């Protein structure tokens, strides 16, 4: 658990420092990628990416919240599962709140677009679901843990790539979103005793 706190603090610190560093400027990598992607969002390929990013976005944590609430109500007599689900709901909410830092850094987008840029809300959403899903599997379905880790990481990368391809986020926005959620997730999960991951012991 000490290691989780240490990594959590370190990642949140990097997330904040990165936000301060890029709030009024862009890294060379940001500019190179933004220039390369300029206008893609207006193409037919961009239309496909818009559909993907509509799915891999803020709708995911909302859907996951209701799914967890549903199972918490349905399985309320199973104290073990109910306890894990309730703590995981708090974890999901805490991770999703990383998006509130947009108003702190007030970074401009690569092109005209609503809201501020850092961190990417879509990436924060997907990373929040991925992190919470990994923790849930660690407690309730350990046999699926590796698959869920791979799936979660893949979805975060896809969500990040989509936002950069659409030129609505800098590379550092999606990187910051991932760092912020991972750091916050580690801290909150440790505080809620969801880390280290454990699986129910079957007696007999």
N, C-alpha and C. Protein backbone atom coordinates (compact mmCIF):
# COMPACT_ATOMS: atom_id res chain seq x y z
N UNK A 1 0.83 -1.20 0.00
CA UNK A 1 0.00 0.00 0.00
C UNK A 1 0.87 1.26 0.00
N UNK A 2 2.00 1.21 0.71
CA UNK A 2 2.93 2.34 0.74
C UNK A 2 3.41 2.67 -0.66
N UNK A 3 3.69 1.64 -1.44
CA UNK A 3 4.14 1.84 -2.81
C UNK A 3 3.05 2.50 -3.65
N UNK A 4 1.80 2.12 -3.43
CA UNK A 4 0.68 2.73 -4.17
C UNK A 4 0.58 4.21 -3.85
N UNK A 5 0.72 4.57 -2.57
CA UNK A 5 0.69 5.98 -2.19
C UNK A 5 1.84 6.75 -2.83
N UNK A 6 3.03 6.15 -2.82
CA UNK A 6 4.21 6.81 -3.38
C UNK A 6 4.05 7.07 -4.87
N UNK A 7 3.61 6.02 -5.60
CA UNK A 7 3.40 6.18 -7.03
C UNK A 7 2.26 7.17 -7.32
N UNK A 8 1.22 7.10 -6.50
CA UNK A 8 0.09 8.00 -6.69
C UNK A 8 0.49 9.45 -6.54
N UNK A 9 1.22 9.75 -5.48
CA UNK A 9 1.69 11.11 -5.24
C UNK A 9 2.60 11.58 -6.37
N UNK A 10 3.51 10.70 -6.80
CA UNK A 10 4.44 11.04 -7.87
C UNK A 10 3.72 11.35 -9.17
N UNK A 11 2.75 10.53 -9.53
CA UNK A 11 2.03 10.72 -10.80
C UNK A 11 1.14 11.96 -10.76
N UNK A 12 0.50 12.21 -9.62
CA UNK A 12 -0.32 13.42 -9.50
C UNK A 12 0.58 14.66 -9.57
N UNK A 13 1.76 14.60 -8.96
CA UNK A 13 2.70 15.71 -9.03
C UNK A 13 3.14 15.98 -10.45
N UNK A 14 3.45 14.92 -11.20
CA UNK A 14 3.85 15.08 -12.61
C UNK A 14 2.69 15.66 -13.42
N UNK A 15 1.48 15.19 -13.14
CA UNK A 15 0.28 15.70 -13.82
C UNK A 15 0.13 17.20 -13.60
N UNK A 16 0.29 17.66 -12.36
CA UNK A 16 0.14 19.08 -12.05
C UNK A 16 1.28 19.89 -12.65
N UNK A 17 2.50 19.40 -12.52
CA UNK A 17 3.65 20.12 -13.07
C UNK A 17 3.56 20.24 -14.59
N UNK A 18 3.11 19.16 -15.24
CA UNK A 18 2.94 19.19 -16.69
C UNK A 18 1.89 20.22 -17.07
N UNK A 19 0.79 20.27 -16.31
CA UNK A 19 -0.25 21.25 -16.59
C UNK A 19 0.24 22.67 -16.46
N UNK A 20 1.05 22.94 -15.43
CA UNK A 20 1.62 24.28 -15.24
C UNK A 20 2.57 24.62 -16.38
N UNK A 21 3.34 23.61 -16.80
CA UNK A 21 4.35 23.82 -17.84
C UNK A 21 3.71 24.17 -19.19
N UNK A 22 2.61 23.50 -19.52
CA UNK A 22 2.07 23.67 -20.88
C UNK A 22 0.85 24.58 -20.94
N UNK A 23 0.43 25.15 -19.83
CA UNK A 23 -0.82 25.91 -19.83
C UNK A 23 -0.79 27.10 -20.79
N UNK A 24 0.38 27.70 -20.96
CA UNK A 24 0.48 28.88 -21.83
C UNK A 24 1.31 28.63 -23.08
N UNK A 25 1.61 27.35 -23.32
CA UNK A 25 2.44 27.03 -24.48
C UNK A 25 2.18 25.60 -24.91
N UNK A 26 2.93 25.16 -25.89
CA UNK A 26 2.81 23.77 -26.36
C UNK A 26 4.20 23.20 -26.56
N UNK A 27 4.35 21.94 -26.23
CA UNK A 27 5.62 21.27 -26.47
C UNK A 27 5.86 21.16 -27.97
N UNK A 28 7.12 21.06 -28.40
CA UNK A 28 7.40 20.83 -29.83
C UNK A 28 6.64 19.63 -30.38
N UNK A 29 6.54 18.56 -29.58
CA UNK A 29 5.80 17.38 -30.02
C UNK A 29 4.34 17.73 -30.25
N UNK A 30 3.76 18.55 -29.37
CA UNK A 30 2.39 19.00 -29.54
C UNK A 30 2.20 19.68 -30.89
N UNK A 31 3.09 20.58 -31.21
CA UNK A 31 2.98 21.37 -32.44
C UNK A 31 3.17 20.51 -33.68
N UNK A 32 4.14 19.60 -33.62
CA UNK A 32 4.40 18.72 -34.77
C UNK A 32 3.19 17.85 -35.07
N UNK A 33 2.63 17.24 -34.04
CA UNK A 33 1.47 16.35 -34.23
C UNK A 33 0.25 17.15 -34.66
N UNK A 34 0.03 18.30 -34.05
CA UNK A 34 -1.13 19.13 -34.41
C UNK A 34 -1.05 19.58 -35.87
N UNK A 35 0.15 19.94 -36.32
CA UNK A 35 0.32 20.34 -37.72
C UNK A 35 0.06 19.17 -38.66
N UNK A 36 0.51 17.98 -38.25
CA UNK A 36 0.33 16.79 -39.09
C UNK A 36 -1.14 16.40 -39.18
N UNK A 37 -1.90 16.64 -38.12
CA UNK A 37 -3.31 16.23 -38.07
C UNK A 37 -4.25 17.32 -38.56
N UNK A 38 -3.74 18.48 -38.90
CA UNK A 38 -4.59 19.62 -39.26
C UNK A 38 -5.52 19.28 -40.44
N UNK A 39 -6.81 19.47 -40.21
CA UNK A 39 -7.81 19.26 -41.26
C UNK A 39 -8.35 17.84 -41.33
N UNK A 40 -7.72 16.89 -40.62
CA UNK A 40 -8.20 15.51 -40.68
C UNK A 40 -9.63 15.39 -40.20
N UNK A 41 -10.00 16.19 -39.21
CA UNK A 41 -11.34 16.10 -38.63
C UNK A 41 -12.44 16.45 -39.63
N UNK A 42 -12.08 17.08 -40.74
CA UNK A 42 -13.05 17.45 -41.76
C UNK A 42 -13.17 16.40 -42.87
N UNK A 43 -12.41 15.32 -42.77
CA UNK A 43 -12.42 14.28 -43.80
C UNK A 43 -13.38 13.16 -43.43
N UNK A 44 -13.58 12.20 -44.35
CA UNK A 44 -14.43 11.05 -44.06
C UNK A 44 -13.84 10.21 -42.94
N UNK A 45 -12.51 10.13 -42.87
CA UNK A 45 -11.85 9.43 -41.78
C UNK A 45 -12.16 10.10 -40.45
N UNK A 46 -12.21 11.42 -40.48
CA UNK A 46 -12.56 12.17 -39.28
C UNK A 46 -13.96 11.86 -38.80
N UNK A 47 -14.88 11.63 -39.76
CA UNK A 47 -16.27 11.29 -39.38
C UNK A 47 -16.31 9.98 -38.60
N UNK A 48 -15.49 9.02 -39.03
CA UNK A 48 -15.43 7.73 -38.34
C UNK A 48 -14.86 7.91 -36.94
N UNK A 49 -13.81 8.71 -36.83
CA UNK A 49 -13.19 8.95 -35.53
C UNK A 49 -14.14 9.66 -34.58
N UNK A 50 -14.98 10.57 -35.12
CA UNK A 50 -15.97 11.25 -34.29
C UNK A 50 -16.91 10.24 -33.63
N UNK A 51 -17.32 9.23 -34.40
CA UNK A 51 -18.21 8.20 -33.86
C UNK A 51 -17.53 7.45 -32.73
N UNK A 52 -16.27 7.08 -32.94
CA UNK A 52 -15.52 6.35 -31.93
C UNK A 52 -15.38 7.18 -30.66
N UNK A 53 -15.05 8.45 -30.84
CA UNK A 53 -14.82 9.30 -29.67
C UNK A 53 -16.11 9.64 -28.94
N UNK A 54 -17.24 9.54 -29.64
CA UNK A 54 -18.53 9.72 -28.96
C UNK A 54 -18.81 8.56 -28.01
N UNK A 55 -18.32 7.38 -28.40
CA UNK A 55 -18.51 6.19 -27.56
C UNK A 55 -17.48 6.16 -26.44
N UNK A 56 -16.22 6.39 -26.80
CA UNK A 56 -15.13 6.37 -25.82
C UNK A 56 -14.98 7.76 -25.21
N UNK A 57 -15.93 8.13 -24.37
CA UNK A 57 -15.92 9.45 -23.77
C UNK A 57 -16.70 9.49 -22.49
N UNK A 58 -17.25 10.64 -22.14
CA UNK A 58 -17.96 10.82 -20.87
C UNK A 58 -19.12 9.86 -20.64
N UNK A 59 -19.66 9.27 -21.70
CA UNK A 59 -20.77 8.34 -21.53
C UNK A 59 -20.33 7.07 -20.81
N UNK A 60 -19.06 6.69 -20.94
CA UNK A 60 -18.58 5.43 -20.35
C UNK A 60 -18.66 5.40 -18.82
N UNK A 61 -18.10 6.41 -18.13
CA UNK A 61 -18.20 6.35 -16.66
C UNK A 61 -19.63 6.45 -16.16
N UNK A 62 -20.50 7.16 -16.89
CA UNK A 62 -21.91 7.23 -16.51
C UNK A 62 -22.53 5.84 -16.60
N UNK A 63 -22.26 5.16 -17.72
CA UNK A 63 -22.79 3.81 -17.91
C UNK A 63 -22.25 2.87 -16.84
N UNK A 64 -20.96 2.96 -16.55
CA UNK A 64 -20.36 2.08 -15.55
C UNK A 64 -20.96 2.35 -14.17
N UNK A 65 -21.22 3.61 -13.87
CA UNK A 65 -21.82 3.96 -12.58
C UNK A 65 -23.17 3.27 -12.41
N UNK A 66 -24.02 3.36 -13.43
CA UNK A 66 -25.34 2.75 -13.33
C UNK A 66 -25.27 1.23 -13.29
N UNK A 67 -24.31 0.65 -14.00
CA UNK A 67 -24.14 -0.80 -13.95
C UNK A 67 -23.73 -1.24 -12.54
N UNK A 68 -22.81 -0.51 -11.94
CA UNK A 68 -22.38 -0.87 -10.59
C UNK A 68 -23.50 -0.68 -9.57
N UNK A 69 -24.27 0.39 -9.73
CA UNK A 69 -25.41 0.61 -8.84
C UNK A 69 -26.43 -0.52 -8.99
N UNK A 70 -26.67 -0.91 -10.24
CA UNK A 70 -27.61 -2.00 -10.49
C UNK A 70 -27.20 -3.27 -9.77
N UNK A 71 -25.93 -3.64 -9.92
CA UNK A 71 -25.46 -4.88 -9.29
C UNK A 71 -25.35 -4.73 -7.77
N UNK A 72 -25.07 -3.51 -7.31
CA UNK A 72 -25.03 -3.29 -5.86
C UNK A 72 -26.40 -3.52 -5.24
N UNK A 73 -27.45 -3.08 -5.94
CA UNK A 73 -28.81 -3.29 -5.45
C UNK A 73 -29.20 -4.76 -5.57
N UNK A 74 -28.87 -5.34 -6.71
CA UNK A 74 -29.27 -6.73 -6.95
C UNK A 74 -28.55 -7.70 -6.02
N UNK A 75 -27.29 -7.40 -5.71
CA UNK A 75 -26.48 -8.31 -4.90
C UNK A 75 -26.26 -7.77 -3.49
N UNK A 76 -27.18 -6.94 -3.03
CA UNK A 76 -27.00 -6.27 -1.74
C UNK A 76 -26.88 -7.24 -0.57
N UNK A 77 -27.37 -8.46 -0.73
CA UNK A 77 -27.28 -9.44 0.36
C UNK A 77 -25.91 -10.08 0.44
N UNK A 78 -25.11 -9.90 -0.62
CA UNK A 78 -23.74 -10.41 -0.61
C UNK A 78 -22.85 -9.27 -0.11
N UNK A 79 -22.54 -9.29 1.18
CA UNK A 79 -21.82 -8.19 1.81
C UNK A 79 -20.46 -7.93 1.15
N UNK A 80 -19.80 -9.00 0.75
CA UNK A 80 -18.46 -8.86 0.14
C UNK A 80 -18.55 -8.08 -1.17
N UNK A 81 -19.42 -8.52 -2.08
CA UNK A 81 -19.57 -7.88 -3.38
C UNK A 81 -20.10 -6.45 -3.22
N UNK A 82 -21.07 -6.26 -2.35
CA UNK A 82 -21.65 -4.93 -2.13
C UNK A 82 -20.58 -3.96 -1.65
N UNK A 83 -19.74 -4.41 -0.73
CA UNK A 83 -18.68 -3.55 -0.20
C UNK A 83 -17.70 -3.13 -1.29
N UNK A 84 -17.31 -4.09 -2.13
CA UNK A 84 -16.38 -3.79 -3.22
C UNK A 84 -17.01 -2.83 -4.23
N UNK A 85 -18.27 -3.06 -4.57
CA UNK A 85 -18.95 -2.20 -5.54
C UNK A 85 -19.10 -0.78 -5.03
N UNK A 86 -19.48 -0.61 -3.78
CA UNK A 86 -19.67 0.73 -3.22
C UNK A 86 -18.36 1.50 -3.19
N UNK A 87 -17.29 0.83 -2.79
CA UNK A 87 -15.98 1.50 -2.77
C UNK A 87 -15.52 1.81 -4.20
N UNK A 88 -15.84 0.94 -5.13
CA UNK A 88 -15.45 1.17 -6.52
C UNK A 88 -16.22 2.34 -7.14
N UNK A 89 -17.44 2.55 -6.72
CA UNK A 89 -18.22 3.70 -7.19
C UNK A 89 -17.53 5.00 -6.75
N UNK A 90 -17.07 5.03 -5.51
CA UNK A 90 -16.34 6.20 -5.01
C UNK A 90 -15.05 6.39 -5.80
N UNK A 91 -14.36 5.29 -6.08
CA UNK A 91 -13.11 5.34 -6.86
C UNK A 91 -13.36 5.91 -8.25
N UNK A 92 -14.41 5.44 -8.91
CA UNK A 92 -14.74 5.92 -10.25
C UNK A 92 -15.02 7.42 -10.24
N UNK A 93 -15.79 7.87 -9.26
CA UNK A 93 -16.14 9.29 -9.17
C UNK A 93 -14.88 10.14 -8.93
N UNK A 94 -14.00 9.67 -8.07
CA UNK A 94 -12.78 10.42 -7.77
C UNK A 94 -11.89 10.55 -9.00
N UNK A 95 -11.74 9.46 -9.74
CA UNK A 95 -10.92 9.49 -10.96
C UNK A 95 -11.52 10.44 -11.99
N UNK A 96 -12.84 10.39 -12.14
CA UNK A 96 -13.50 11.24 -13.13
C UNK A 96 -13.36 12.72 -12.81
N UNK A 97 -13.20 13.04 -11.54
CA UNK A 97 -13.09 14.44 -11.12
C UNK A 97 -11.79 15.10 -11.55
N UNK A 98 -10.86 14.31 -12.07
CA UNK A 98 -9.61 14.88 -12.59
C UNK A 98 -9.91 15.89 -13.69
N UNK A 99 -11.03 15.71 -14.38
CA UNK A 99 -11.42 16.65 -15.45
C UNK A 99 -11.65 18.05 -14.92
N UNK A 100 -11.92 18.19 -13.63
CA UNK A 100 -12.17 19.51 -13.06
C UNK A 100 -10.94 20.41 -13.15
N UNK A 101 -9.79 19.82 -13.36
CA UNK A 101 -8.57 20.62 -13.48
C UNK A 101 -8.53 21.44 -14.75
N UNK A 102 -9.43 21.18 -15.69
CA UNK A 102 -9.51 22.02 -16.89
C UNK A 102 -9.65 23.49 -16.50
N UNK A 103 -10.51 23.75 -15.53
CA UNK A 103 -10.73 25.12 -15.09
C UNK A 103 -9.58 25.71 -14.31
N UNK A 104 -8.66 24.87 -13.85
CA UNK A 104 -7.49 25.34 -13.13
C UNK A 104 -6.41 25.80 -14.11
N UNK A 105 -6.17 25.00 -15.13
CA UNK A 105 -5.09 25.30 -16.07
C UNK A 105 -5.53 26.20 -17.23
N UNK A 106 -6.80 26.11 -17.62
CA UNK A 106 -7.37 26.98 -18.68
C UNK A 106 -6.50 27.02 -19.94
N UNK A 107 -6.12 25.85 -20.40
CA UNK A 107 -5.28 25.77 -21.59
C UNK A 107 -6.13 25.80 -22.85
N UNK A 108 -5.66 26.54 -23.87
CA UNK A 108 -6.38 26.63 -25.13
C UNK A 108 -6.23 25.36 -25.95
N UNK A 109 -7.24 25.09 -26.77
CA UNK A 109 -7.22 23.94 -27.67
C UNK A 109 -6.33 24.21 -28.88
N UNK A 110 -5.96 23.14 -29.61
CA UNK A 110 -5.20 23.33 -30.86
C UNK A 110 -5.99 24.14 -31.89
N UNK A 111 -7.34 23.99 -31.89
CA UNK A 111 -8.21 24.78 -32.77
C UNK A 111 -9.42 25.22 -31.96
N UNK A 112 -10.23 26.09 -32.56
CA UNK A 112 -11.41 26.59 -31.86
C UNK A 112 -12.34 25.44 -31.50
N UNK A 113 -12.63 25.31 -30.21
CA UNK A 113 -13.47 24.23 -29.73
C UNK A 113 -13.92 24.60 -28.32
N UNK A 114 -15.06 24.05 -27.92
CA UNK A 114 -15.61 24.41 -26.62
C UNK A 114 -14.74 23.88 -25.48
N UNK A 115 -14.75 24.58 -24.35
CA UNK A 115 -14.09 24.16 -23.12
C UNK A 115 -12.56 24.25 -23.24
N UNK A 116 -11.91 24.08 -22.11
CA UNK A 116 -10.46 24.12 -22.09
C UNK A 116 -9.87 22.76 -22.46
N UNK A 117 -8.54 22.70 -22.55
CA UNK A 117 -7.90 21.57 -23.18
C UNK A 117 -7.24 20.56 -22.24
N UNK A 118 -6.64 21.04 -21.15
CA UNK A 118 -5.85 20.15 -20.28
C UNK A 118 -6.55 19.90 -18.96
N UNK A 119 -6.77 18.63 -18.61
CA UNK A 119 -6.49 17.39 -19.34
C UNK A 119 -7.67 17.03 -20.24
N UNK A 120 -7.47 16.06 -21.11
CA UNK A 120 -8.55 15.61 -21.99
C UNK A 120 -9.63 14.91 -21.18
N UNK A 121 -10.85 15.45 -21.25
CA UNK A 121 -11.97 14.85 -20.53
C UNK A 121 -12.33 13.47 -21.04
N UNK A 122 -12.20 13.25 -22.34
CA UNK A 122 -12.49 11.93 -22.91
C UNK A 122 -11.51 10.88 -22.40
N UNK A 123 -10.23 11.24 -22.38
CA UNK A 123 -9.23 10.30 -21.89
C UNK A 123 -9.41 10.06 -20.39
N UNK A 124 -9.72 11.11 -19.65
CA UNK A 124 -9.99 10.95 -18.22
C UNK A 124 -11.16 9.98 -18.02
N UNK A 125 -12.19 10.12 -18.82
CA UNK A 125 -13.37 9.25 -18.71
C UNK A 125 -13.00 7.79 -18.94
N UNK A 126 -12.32 7.53 -20.05
CA UNK A 126 -11.96 6.15 -20.39
C UNK A 126 -10.96 5.58 -19.39
N UNK A 127 -9.99 6.39 -18.99
CA UNK A 127 -8.99 5.92 -18.03
C UNK A 127 -9.64 5.63 -16.67
N UNK A 128 -10.64 6.42 -16.30
CA UNK A 128 -11.35 6.20 -15.03
C UNK A 128 -12.07 4.85 -15.05
N UNK A 129 -12.72 4.56 -16.16
CA UNK A 129 -13.42 3.28 -16.31
C UNK A 129 -12.42 2.13 -16.33
N UNK A 130 -11.31 2.32 -17.04
CA UNK A 130 -10.29 1.27 -17.14
C UNK A 130 -9.70 0.97 -15.77
N UNK A 131 -9.34 2.01 -15.04
CA UNK A 131 -8.71 1.82 -13.72
C UNK A 131 -9.69 1.13 -12.77
N UNK A 132 -10.92 1.63 -12.73
CA UNK A 132 -11.92 1.04 -11.84
C UNK A 132 -12.23 -0.40 -12.24
N UNK A 133 -12.29 -0.66 -13.54
CA UNK A 133 -12.55 -2.01 -14.02
C UNK A 133 -11.45 -2.98 -13.62
N UNK A 134 -10.21 -2.52 -13.67
CA UNK A 134 -9.08 -3.36 -13.28
C UNK A 134 -9.16 -3.70 -11.79
N UNK A 135 -9.48 -2.70 -10.98
CA UNK A 135 -9.61 -2.93 -9.54
C UNK A 135 -10.75 -3.90 -9.25
N UNK A 136 -11.88 -3.71 -9.92
CA UNK A 136 -13.03 -4.61 -9.73
C UNK A 136 -12.66 -6.05 -10.06
N UNK A 137 -11.96 -6.23 -11.18
CA UNK A 137 -11.56 -7.58 -11.58
C UNK A 137 -10.60 -8.19 -10.57
N UNK A 138 -9.74 -7.35 -10.00
CA UNK A 138 -8.81 -7.85 -9.01
C UNK A 138 -9.50 -8.42 -7.78
N UNK A 139 -10.69 -7.91 -7.50
CA UNK A 139 -11.44 -8.37 -6.33
C UNK A 139 -12.50 -9.42 -6.66
N UNK A 140 -13.12 -9.28 -7.83
CA UNK A 140 -14.27 -10.12 -8.13
C UNK A 140 -14.06 -11.15 -9.22
N UNK A 141 -13.06 -10.94 -10.08
CA UNK A 141 -12.85 -11.89 -11.19
C UNK A 141 -11.37 -11.91 -11.56
N UNK A 142 -10.56 -12.40 -10.66
CA UNK A 142 -9.10 -12.34 -10.82
C UNK A 142 -8.63 -13.01 -12.11
N UNK A 143 -9.34 -14.03 -12.57
CA UNK A 143 -8.93 -14.76 -13.77
C UNK A 143 -8.98 -13.89 -15.02
N UNK A 144 -9.76 -12.81 -14.96
CA UNK A 144 -9.89 -11.91 -16.11
C UNK A 144 -8.97 -10.70 -16.03
N UNK A 145 -8.17 -10.61 -14.98
CA UNK A 145 -7.41 -9.40 -14.71
C UNK A 145 -6.48 -9.00 -15.85
N UNK A 146 -5.70 -9.94 -16.36
CA UNK A 146 -4.76 -9.59 -17.43
C UNK A 146 -5.48 -9.10 -18.68
N UNK A 147 -6.58 -9.75 -19.02
CA UNK A 147 -7.34 -9.34 -20.19
C UNK A 147 -7.93 -7.95 -20.02
N UNK A 148 -8.41 -7.67 -18.82
CA UNK A 148 -9.00 -6.36 -18.56
C UNK A 148 -7.94 -5.27 -18.58
N UNK A 149 -6.74 -5.59 -18.07
CA UNK A 149 -5.64 -4.61 -18.12
C UNK A 149 -5.30 -4.27 -19.57
N UNK A 150 -5.18 -5.30 -20.40
CA UNK A 150 -4.87 -5.07 -21.82
C UNK A 150 -5.99 -4.30 -22.51
N UNK A 151 -7.23 -4.70 -22.25
CA UNK A 151 -8.38 -4.02 -22.85
C UNK A 151 -8.45 -2.57 -22.40
N UNK A 152 -8.28 -2.33 -21.11
CA UNK A 152 -8.34 -0.98 -20.58
C UNK A 152 -7.27 -0.08 -21.17
N UNK A 153 -6.04 -0.59 -21.22
CA UNK A 153 -4.94 0.20 -21.78
C UNK A 153 -5.18 0.49 -23.26
N UNK A 154 -5.70 -0.50 -23.99
CA UNK A 154 -5.98 -0.32 -25.41
C UNK A 154 -7.04 0.76 -25.64
N UNK A 155 -8.09 0.73 -24.85
CA UNK A 155 -9.15 1.73 -25.00
C UNK A 155 -8.66 3.14 -24.67
N UNK A 156 -7.80 3.25 -23.68
CA UNK A 156 -7.24 4.56 -23.34
C UNK A 156 -6.40 5.09 -24.50
N UNK A 157 -5.59 4.23 -25.08
CA UNK A 157 -4.76 4.64 -26.23
C UNK A 157 -5.63 5.05 -27.41
N UNK A 158 -6.68 4.28 -27.67
CA UNK A 158 -7.58 4.62 -28.78
C UNK A 158 -8.27 5.95 -28.53
N UNK A 159 -8.77 6.16 -27.31
CA UNK A 159 -9.43 7.41 -26.97
C UNK A 159 -8.48 8.58 -27.12
N UNK A 160 -7.25 8.41 -26.66
CA UNK A 160 -6.25 9.47 -26.77
C UNK A 160 -5.93 9.79 -28.23
N UNK A 161 -5.73 8.73 -29.02
CA UNK A 161 -5.42 8.93 -30.44
C UNK A 161 -6.55 9.65 -31.16
N UNK A 162 -7.78 9.29 -30.84
CA UNK A 162 -8.94 9.93 -31.48
C UNK A 162 -8.99 11.43 -31.20
N UNK A 163 -8.75 11.81 -29.95
CA UNK A 163 -8.81 13.23 -29.61
C UNK A 163 -7.70 14.02 -30.29
N UNK A 164 -6.53 13.41 -30.43
CA UNK A 164 -5.42 14.08 -31.12
C UNK A 164 -5.69 14.14 -32.62
N UNK A 165 -6.22 13.05 -33.19
CA UNK A 165 -6.55 13.03 -34.62
C UNK A 165 -7.57 14.09 -34.99
N UNK A 166 -8.50 14.34 -34.09
CA UNK A 166 -9.54 15.34 -34.34
C UNK A 166 -9.05 16.76 -34.07
N UNK A 167 -7.81 16.87 -33.62
CA UNK A 167 -7.17 18.17 -33.39
C UNK A 167 -7.91 18.99 -32.33
N UNK A 168 -8.55 18.32 -31.39
CA UNK A 168 -9.21 19.03 -30.29
C UNK A 168 -8.39 18.93 -29.00
N UNK A 169 -7.28 18.18 -29.05
CA UNK A 169 -6.40 18.07 -27.90
C UNK A 169 -4.95 17.97 -28.36
N UNK A 170 -4.08 18.51 -27.52
CA UNK A 170 -2.65 18.33 -27.72
C UNK A 170 -2.25 16.95 -27.17
N UNK A 171 -1.10 16.47 -27.59
CA UNK A 171 -0.59 15.20 -27.08
C UNK A 171 -0.43 15.25 -25.57
N UNK A 172 0.04 16.39 -25.06
CA UNK A 172 0.25 16.50 -23.61
C UNK A 172 -1.08 16.52 -22.85
N UNK A 173 -2.18 16.86 -23.50
CA UNK A 173 -3.50 16.80 -22.85
C UNK A 173 -3.90 15.37 -22.54
N UNK A 174 -3.69 14.50 -23.51
CA UNK A 174 -4.09 13.10 -23.32
C UNK A 174 -3.12 12.39 -22.39
N UNK A 175 -1.85 12.78 -22.46
CA UNK A 175 -0.86 12.23 -21.54
C UNK A 175 -1.19 12.65 -20.11
N UNK A 176 -1.51 13.93 -19.95
CA UNK A 176 -1.85 14.44 -18.63
C UNK A 176 -3.08 13.77 -18.04
N UNK A 177 -4.09 13.54 -18.88
CA UNK A 177 -5.29 12.88 -18.41
C UNK A 177 -5.01 11.48 -17.88
N UNK A 178 -4.15 10.76 -18.59
CA UNK A 178 -3.79 9.41 -18.17
C UNK A 178 -3.00 9.42 -16.86
N UNK A 179 -2.04 10.35 -16.75
CA UNK A 179 -1.24 10.45 -15.53
C UNK A 179 -2.11 10.84 -14.33
N UNK A 180 -2.99 11.82 -14.56
CA UNK A 180 -3.84 12.30 -13.47
C UNK A 180 -4.76 11.23 -12.93
N UNK A 181 -5.39 10.48 -13.83
CA UNK A 181 -6.30 9.42 -13.40
C UNK A 181 -5.55 8.29 -12.70
N UNK A 182 -4.43 7.90 -13.25
CA UNK A 182 -3.67 6.80 -12.64
C UNK A 182 -3.19 7.18 -11.25
N UNK A 183 -2.65 8.40 -11.11
CA UNK A 183 -2.19 8.85 -9.81
C UNK A 183 -3.32 8.97 -8.81
N UNK A 184 -4.41 9.60 -9.22
CA UNK A 184 -5.57 9.75 -8.34
C UNK A 184 -6.15 8.39 -7.99
N UNK A 185 -6.23 7.52 -8.99
CA UNK A 185 -6.76 6.18 -8.76
C UNK A 185 -5.96 5.41 -7.73
N UNK A 186 -4.64 5.49 -7.82
CA UNK A 186 -3.79 4.79 -6.85
C UNK A 186 -3.99 5.34 -5.44
N UNK A 187 -4.06 6.65 -5.31
CA UNK A 187 -4.22 7.26 -3.99
C UNK A 187 -5.57 6.90 -3.37
N UNK A 188 -6.64 7.04 -4.17
CA UNK A 188 -7.98 6.78 -3.64
C UNK A 188 -8.18 5.29 -3.39
N UNK A 189 -7.70 4.46 -4.29
CA UNK A 189 -7.85 3.01 -4.10
C UNK A 189 -7.11 2.56 -2.85
N UNK A 190 -5.94 3.11 -2.61
CA UNK A 190 -5.19 2.76 -1.41
C UNK A 190 -5.93 3.23 -0.16
N UNK A 191 -6.46 4.45 -0.22
CA UNK A 191 -7.20 4.99 0.93
C UNK A 191 -8.45 4.18 1.23
N UNK A 192 -9.07 3.62 0.18
CA UNK A 192 -10.29 2.82 0.34
C UNK A 192 -9.98 1.34 0.59
N UNK A 193 -8.69 1.04 0.71
CA UNK A 193 -8.24 -0.35 0.93
C UNK A 193 -8.64 -1.28 -0.22
N UNK A 194 -8.67 -0.71 -1.42
CA UNK A 194 -8.89 -1.52 -2.62
C UNK A 194 -7.56 -1.99 -3.20
N UNK A 195 -6.49 -1.43 -2.71
CA UNK A 195 -5.13 -1.85 -3.06
C UNK A 195 -4.42 -2.20 -1.76
N UNK A 196 -3.75 -3.36 -1.70
CA UNK A 196 -3.49 -4.32 -2.78
C UNK A 196 -4.76 -5.10 -3.16
N UNK A 197 -4.78 -5.55 -4.42
CA UNK A 197 -5.92 -6.30 -4.93
C UNK A 197 -6.02 -7.64 -4.21
N UNK A 198 -7.25 -7.99 -3.85
CA UNK A 198 -7.49 -9.28 -3.21
C UNK A 198 -8.70 -9.94 -3.86
N UNK A 199 -8.74 -11.24 -3.78
CA UNK A 199 -9.90 -11.98 -4.30
C UNK A 199 -10.53 -12.73 -3.13
N UNK A 200 -11.84 -12.87 -3.20
CA UNK A 200 -12.55 -13.55 -2.13
C UNK A 200 -12.00 -14.95 -1.90
N UNK A 201 -11.74 -15.28 -0.66
CA UNK A 201 -11.27 -16.61 -0.32
C UNK A 201 -12.46 -17.54 -0.18
N UNK A 202 -12.41 -18.63 -0.91
CA UNK A 202 -13.48 -19.61 -0.87
C UNK A 202 -13.17 -20.63 0.23
N UNK A 203 -14.02 -20.72 1.21
CA UNK A 203 -13.79 -21.65 2.32
C UNK A 203 -14.20 -23.06 1.92
N UNK A 204 -13.63 -24.03 2.59
CA UNK A 204 -13.98 -25.42 2.33
C UNK A 204 -13.19 -26.00 1.21
